[in-house]
Protein backbone atom coordinates (compact mmCIF):
# COMPACT_ATOMS: atom_id res chain seq x y z
CA MET A 1 19.98 16.09 -6.55
CA VAL A 2 19.00 12.47 -5.87
CA ASN A 3 15.78 11.41 -7.55
CA LEU A 4 14.01 9.51 -4.77
CA LYS A 5 11.39 6.94 -5.64
CA PRO A 6 7.95 8.05 -4.38
CA LEU A 7 6.68 5.83 -1.59
CA ASN A 8 3.09 4.75 -0.96
CA PRO A 9 2.77 3.73 2.71
CA ASP A 10 -0.73 2.36 2.08
CA ALA A 11 0.48 -0.22 -0.45
CA SER A 12 1.51 -2.82 2.14
CA PRO A 13 2.87 -3.17 5.69
CA GLU A 14 6.38 -3.32 4.20
CA ALA A 15 5.72 -0.10 2.28
CA ALA A 16 4.50 1.60 5.46
CA TYR A 17 7.68 0.44 7.23
CA GLY A 18 9.87 1.78 4.41
CA ALA A 19 8.07 5.10 4.21
CA ARG A 20 8.34 5.62 7.94
CA LEU A 21 12.02 4.68 7.88
CA ARG A 22 12.66 7.29 5.20
CA GLY A 23 10.63 9.88 7.10
CA GLU A 24 12.52 9.33 10.35
CA ARG A 25 15.84 9.38 8.54
CA GLU A 26 15.10 12.57 6.64
CA ALA A 27 13.73 14.25 9.77
CA ARG A 28 17.23 13.94 11.21
CA GLY A 29 18.85 15.24 8.06
CA TRP A 30 20.57 11.92 7.38
CA ARG A 31 21.34 10.41 4.02
CA GLN A 32 20.89 6.69 3.51
CA ASP A 33 24.64 6.22 3.94
CA ASP A 34 24.52 8.16 7.22
CA LEU A 35 21.92 5.82 8.69
CA ALA A 36 23.69 2.81 7.19
CA GLY A 37 26.92 3.72 8.96
CA ARG A 38 25.11 3.90 12.28
CA ILE A 39 23.44 0.49 11.98
CA GLY A 40 26.12 -1.60 10.27
CA TYR A 41 24.48 -1.92 6.86
CA THR A 42 25.12 -0.40 3.45
CA GLY A 43 23.29 2.56 2.00
CA ARG A 44 22.06 0.27 -0.76
CA HIS A 45 20.48 -2.00 1.87
CA VAL A 46 18.73 0.93 3.57
CA SER A 47 17.47 2.07 0.17
CA GLY A 48 16.19 -1.44 -0.55
CA VAL A 49 14.20 -1.53 2.68
CA GLU A 50 12.76 1.92 2.11
CA THR A 51 11.60 1.02 -1.40
CA CYS A 52 10.43 -2.54 -0.52
CA HIS A 53 13.12 -4.22 -2.60
CA LYS A 54 14.48 -5.80 0.59
CA PRO A 55 12.27 -7.05 3.45
CA PRO A 56 13.09 -5.66 6.90
CA THR A 57 14.42 -8.17 9.41
CA ARG A 58 14.39 -8.24 13.18
CA LYS A 59 18.15 -7.62 13.33
CA PHE A 60 17.83 -4.62 10.99
CA SER A 61 14.87 -3.25 12.95
CA ILE A 62 16.66 -3.49 16.30
CA ALA A 63 19.68 -1.66 14.86
CA VAL A 64 17.39 1.07 13.49
CA ASP A 65 15.71 1.44 16.89
CA VAL A 66 19.12 1.93 18.54
CA ALA A 67 20.14 4.55 15.97
CA LEU A 68 16.84 6.43 16.04
CA GLY A 69 16.11 6.14 19.76
CA PHE A 70 13.07 3.87 19.61
CA VAL A 71 14.34 0.95 21.72
CA GLY A 72 11.51 -0.39 23.89
CA ALA A 73 9.03 2.17 22.59
CA ALA A 74 5.53 1.28 21.46
CA GLU A 75 6.35 2.74 18.05
CA SER A 76 9.64 0.85 17.68
CA PHE A 77 10.63 -0.55 14.32
CA GLU A 78 11.05 -3.97 15.93
CA ARG A 79 7.35 -3.94 16.84
CA GLU A 80 6.53 -2.86 13.32
CA TRP A 81 8.60 -5.77 12.00
CA GLN A 82 6.64 -8.11 14.29
CA ARG A 83 3.39 -6.85 12.79
CA ILE A 84 4.75 -7.52 9.31
CA GLU A 85 6.12 -10.95 10.23
CA HIS A 86 3.07 -12.19 12.10
CA GLY A 87 0.18 -9.89 11.33
CA VAL A 88 -0.39 -10.69 7.66
CA LEU A 89 -0.93 -14.44 7.88
CA LEU A 90 -2.02 -14.56 11.50
CA GLN A 91 -4.32 -11.65 12.15
CA GLY A 92 -4.55 -10.80 15.84
CA PHE A 93 -1.26 -12.51 16.74
CA PRO A 94 0.72 -9.34 17.63
CA GLU A 95 -2.02 -8.26 20.04
CA TYR A 96 -2.18 -11.79 21.43
CA LEU A 97 1.57 -11.75 22.12
CA ASP A 98 1.25 -8.51 24.07
CA LEU A 99 -1.54 -10.00 26.20
CA GLU A 100 0.29 -13.31 26.62
CA GLY A 101 3.25 -11.55 28.21
CA ARG A 102 0.95 -10.08 30.88
CA ALA A 103 -1.51 -12.92 31.41
CA ALA A 104 -2.19 -14.47 34.82
CA GLU A 105 -3.07 -17.83 33.28
CA ILE A 106 -2.37 -19.38 29.88
CA ARG A 107 -4.19 -22.45 28.57
CA LEU A 108 -2.93 -24.13 25.42
CA PHE A 109 -4.03 -26.92 23.13
CA GLU A 110 -1.99 -28.09 20.16
CA VAL A 111 -2.14 -30.79 17.51
CA GLY A 112 0.82 -32.25 15.61
CA VAL A 113 3.66 -30.21 17.10
CA VAL A 114 4.69 -29.16 20.58
CA PRO A 115 3.35 -25.63 21.20
CA GLY A 116 5.88 -22.84 20.84
CA LEU A 117 6.02 -21.92 24.52
CA LEU A 118 7.10 -25.49 25.32
CA GLN A 119 9.60 -25.99 22.50
CA THR A 120 13.33 -26.36 23.02
CA ARG A 121 15.52 -24.18 20.83
CA GLU A 122 16.70 -27.23 18.86
CA TYR A 123 13.15 -28.45 18.24
CA ALA A 124 12.09 -24.97 17.12
CA GLN A 125 15.16 -24.73 14.88
CA ALA A 126 14.33 -28.07 13.26
CA LEU A 127 10.82 -26.83 12.44
CA ALA A 128 12.19 -23.56 11.07
CA ASP A 129 14.81 -25.39 9.00
CA GLY A 130 12.02 -27.52 7.55
CA ALA A 131 10.26 -24.35 6.44
CA VAL A 132 13.50 -23.25 4.76
CA ASP A 133 13.77 -26.57 2.96
CA ARG A 134 10.23 -26.12 1.65
CA GLY A 135 11.09 -22.65 0.36
CA ILE A 136 8.65 -20.87 2.68
CA ILE A 137 11.22 -18.71 4.50
CA THR A 138 14.89 -17.82 4.15
CA PRO A 139 17.61 -19.12 6.51
CA GLU A 140 17.85 -15.66 8.04
CA GLN A 141 14.11 -15.60 8.66
CA ALA A 142 14.35 -19.06 10.22
CA ASP A 143 16.95 -17.84 12.71
CA GLU A 144 14.83 -14.79 13.48
CA ARG A 145 11.76 -16.97 14.01
CA VAL A 146 13.61 -19.08 16.57
CA ALA A 147 15.12 -16.05 18.31
CA PHE A 148 11.69 -14.45 18.49
CA LEU A 149 10.22 -17.60 20.07
CA MET A 150 12.98 -17.66 22.69
CA THR A 151 12.21 -14.02 23.51
CA ARG A 152 8.52 -14.89 23.81
CA GLN A 153 9.35 -17.71 26.23
CA ALA A 154 11.64 -15.45 28.26
CA ALA A 155 8.83 -12.92 28.70
CA LEU A 156 7.04 -15.49 30.89
CA LEU A 157 9.97 -15.82 33.31
CA ARG A 158 8.58 -13.32 35.80
CA ASP A 159 8.80 -13.06 39.59
CA VAL A 160 5.23 -14.36 39.65
CA PRO A 161 4.97 -16.53 36.51
CA PRO A 162 1.61 -17.20 34.91
CA VAL A 163 -0.17 -20.46 35.53
CA LEU A 164 0.49 -22.42 32.35
CA ILE A 165 -1.81 -25.30 31.42
CA ALA A 166 -1.07 -27.29 28.29
CA VAL A 167 -3.08 -30.11 26.75
CA LEU A 168 -1.23 -31.79 23.89
CA ASP A 169 -2.75 -34.13 21.38
CA GLU A 170 -0.84 -37.41 21.44
CA SER A 171 0.43 -36.65 17.94
CA CYS A 172 2.64 -33.92 19.45
CA ILE A 173 4.89 -36.47 21.13
CA LEU A 174 4.65 -39.19 18.47
CA ARG A 175 5.63 -37.04 15.47
CA PRO A 176 9.45 -37.00 15.22
CA VAL A 177 10.94 -33.55 14.68
CA GLY A 178 14.66 -33.15 14.06
CA SER A 179 17.17 -35.82 15.03
CA PRO A 180 16.46 -38.52 17.65
CA ASP A 181 18.54 -36.53 20.15
CA VAL A 182 16.48 -33.40 19.47
CA MET A 183 13.25 -35.32 20.04
CA LYS A 184 14.50 -36.98 23.21
CA ALA A 185 15.55 -33.61 24.61
CA GLN A 186 12.15 -32.15 23.71
CA LEU A 187 10.31 -34.96 25.50
CA GLN A 188 12.53 -34.49 28.55
CA TYR A 189 11.74 -30.77 28.45
CA LEU A 190 8.03 -31.60 28.63
CA ILE A 191 8.66 -33.88 31.62
CA ASP A 192 10.60 -31.11 33.37
CA PHE A 193 7.90 -28.60 32.47
CA ALA A 194 5.25 -30.73 34.19
CA ALA A 195 7.29 -30.79 37.40
CA GLN A 196 7.09 -27.02 37.90
CA PRO A 197 4.68 -25.72 40.57
CA HIS A 198 2.80 -23.35 38.24
CA THR A 199 2.26 -25.76 35.33
CA THR A 200 -0.09 -28.54 34.27
CA LEU A 201 0.56 -30.91 31.38
CA GLN A 202 -1.92 -33.41 29.96
CA LEU A 203 -2.00 -35.62 26.89
CA ALA A 204 -5.15 -36.07 24.86
CA PRO A 205 -4.73 -39.68 23.65
CA PHE A 206 -5.97 -40.87 20.28
CA SER A 207 -8.39 -43.14 22.13
CA ILE A 208 -10.67 -40.22 23.07
CA GLY A 209 -11.68 -40.14 19.40
CA GLU A 210 -14.62 -37.86 18.68
CA ARG A 211 -14.60 -36.53 22.26
CA ARG A 212 -11.69 -34.24 21.41
CA PRO A 213 -13.43 -30.86 20.94
CA PHE A 214 -10.70 -29.04 19.01
CA ASN A 215 -9.09 -29.77 15.65
CA ARG A 216 -6.70 -26.81 15.66
CA ALA A 217 -4.51 -24.86 18.06
CA VAL A 218 -6.39 -23.02 20.80
CA ASN A 219 -5.01 -20.48 23.27
CA LEU A 220 -6.96 -19.07 26.22
CA LEU A 221 -5.59 -16.20 28.32
CA THR A 222 -6.91 -15.14 31.69
CA LEU A 223 -5.78 -11.57 32.26
CA GLN A 224 -5.05 -9.79 35.53
CA ASP A 225 -8.59 -8.38 35.62
CA ARG A 226 -9.92 -11.99 35.26
CA SER A 227 -11.24 -11.37 31.77
CA VAL A 228 -10.60 -14.17 29.27
CA VAL A 229 -9.32 -13.81 25.72
CA SER A 230 -9.21 -16.58 23.13
CA TYR A 231 -6.88 -16.99 20.20
CA VAL A 232 -7.51 -19.73 17.67
CA GLU A 233 -5.28 -20.28 14.67
CA SER A 234 -4.92 -22.52 11.68
CA GLU A 235 -2.08 -22.82 9.18
CA THR A 236 -3.17 -19.66 7.35
CA GLN A 237 -5.09 -17.47 9.77
CA GLY A 238 -5.63 -16.53 13.39
CA HIS A 239 -8.48 -14.96 15.32
CA LEU A 240 -8.32 -13.05 18.62
CA ASP A 241 -11.64 -12.78 20.47
CA ARG A 242 -12.71 -10.97 23.63
CA GLU A 243 -16.46 -11.47 23.28
CA LEU A 244 -17.86 -13.61 26.10
CA SER A 245 -20.38 -15.18 23.77
CA SER A 246 -17.49 -16.60 21.73
CA VAL A 247 -14.95 -17.21 24.48
CA ILE A 248 -17.14 -19.05 27.03
CA PRO A 249 -17.90 -22.00 24.70
CA LEU A 250 -14.14 -22.43 24.14
CA VAL A 251 -13.49 -22.36 27.90
CA ARG A 252 -16.21 -24.96 28.43
CA ALA A 253 -14.82 -27.15 25.64
CA TYR A 254 -11.31 -26.83 27.14
CA HIS A 255 -12.59 -28.13 30.49
CA GLN A 256 -14.30 -31.01 28.68
CA LEU A 257 -11.01 -31.76 26.93
CA GLN A 258 -9.17 -31.88 30.24
CA ASN A 259 -11.80 -34.23 31.66
CA VAL A 260 -11.22 -36.84 28.92
CA SER A 261 -7.44 -36.39 28.71
CA LEU A 262 -4.88 -38.31 30.73
CA SER A 263 -4.01 -37.04 34.19
CA GLN A 264 -0.68 -35.26 34.53
CA THR A 265 0.84 -38.30 36.23
CA ASP A 266 -0.30 -40.63 33.45
CA SER A 267 0.72 -38.10 30.82
CA VAL A 268 4.25 -37.84 32.19
CA ASP A 269 4.48 -41.63 32.40
CA SER A 270 3.41 -41.87 28.76
CA ILE A 271 6.01 -39.31 27.69
CA HIS A 272 8.65 -41.25 29.64
CA GLN A 273 7.71 -44.41 27.76
CA HIS A 274 7.83 -42.68 24.38
CA ARG A 275 11.20 -41.15 25.26
CA LYS A 276 12.63 -44.54 26.19
CA GLY A 277 11.26 -45.99 22.98
CA SER A 278 12.74 -43.27 20.79
CA PRO A 279 15.48 -44.58 18.50
C-alpha cells in the first residue's frame, strides 16, 4: 500500500490546490499515473503538484480541467491557478479580472510601462523575459504570463466592446522595452488603438509636474449597473474597492488628470514623433 504524504490544504494556496487535486483524483478511483496519462504528464509530476514540490502551471491546470470535466466552470483548476498566480502578491486582482471582462467602461492610468491591455505580445514578452533575467519567474511562467495577458485582452473583443479610456504618463512611451523594432511596433499599436471608435488615449506629459494626481497604476471600471469599482496596485500589492467614499475621489482625480493631459490628437502626434525618433 502506498504511503501517501498527508496534505494540509490550509498551509498555502498551492497546498489547497494540491489537496483538491488529490481529492478529485481519488474520488474517481484514479492513481497518479492514471491522471498523468490523461493529461500528458508523468505520475511523478502529478505527485509533485499534489505535495507542493512542483508549482501548478496554467498548462497543467487546463489539462486537469479537461480530464476532470471542469473546463469553463467556476471551480476550474485554471481559475484556482489564477488565484495562486495573481492573488498572493496582488490581492483583489482575480476579482478585478472577472469584473473587467464584463465592464461597460474601463479607465486606466499607468506610469513607466504601457498598461497590459494595450501591450503587444512582443512588448509583453520583453517585460516577462526581463523578469526571467532577474530571477523573479521561470521561462515557463513568463510564457504563461504573456498567454494570460493575451487571453485577458481577447475577453474585451465583444460584439459591444467596453469604452476604454487610457491616460499614460509620458514615461510609458519614452522608456524603451525590448528591441527598437518591438518599441516601434508598440508605439504604432497605441496610435492604432486611439483610432478606434470606442477608445480614448491621452498622454500625461512630464510638464504637468505636481498636477499629476496619481503615482501608481489606477484602474476604474464602470459596470453594467453603472456602479464604479476601483483597483489600485503597486509593485507588491493591489486593492479592489467598491465603496463610494473611496472610489469617488479617484474618479474625480482621474477627471482632473484628463483635464491637464494632452488631447488625444496631441497625444497621437507626440507618439508619432517619438516613434519616428526611435533608433
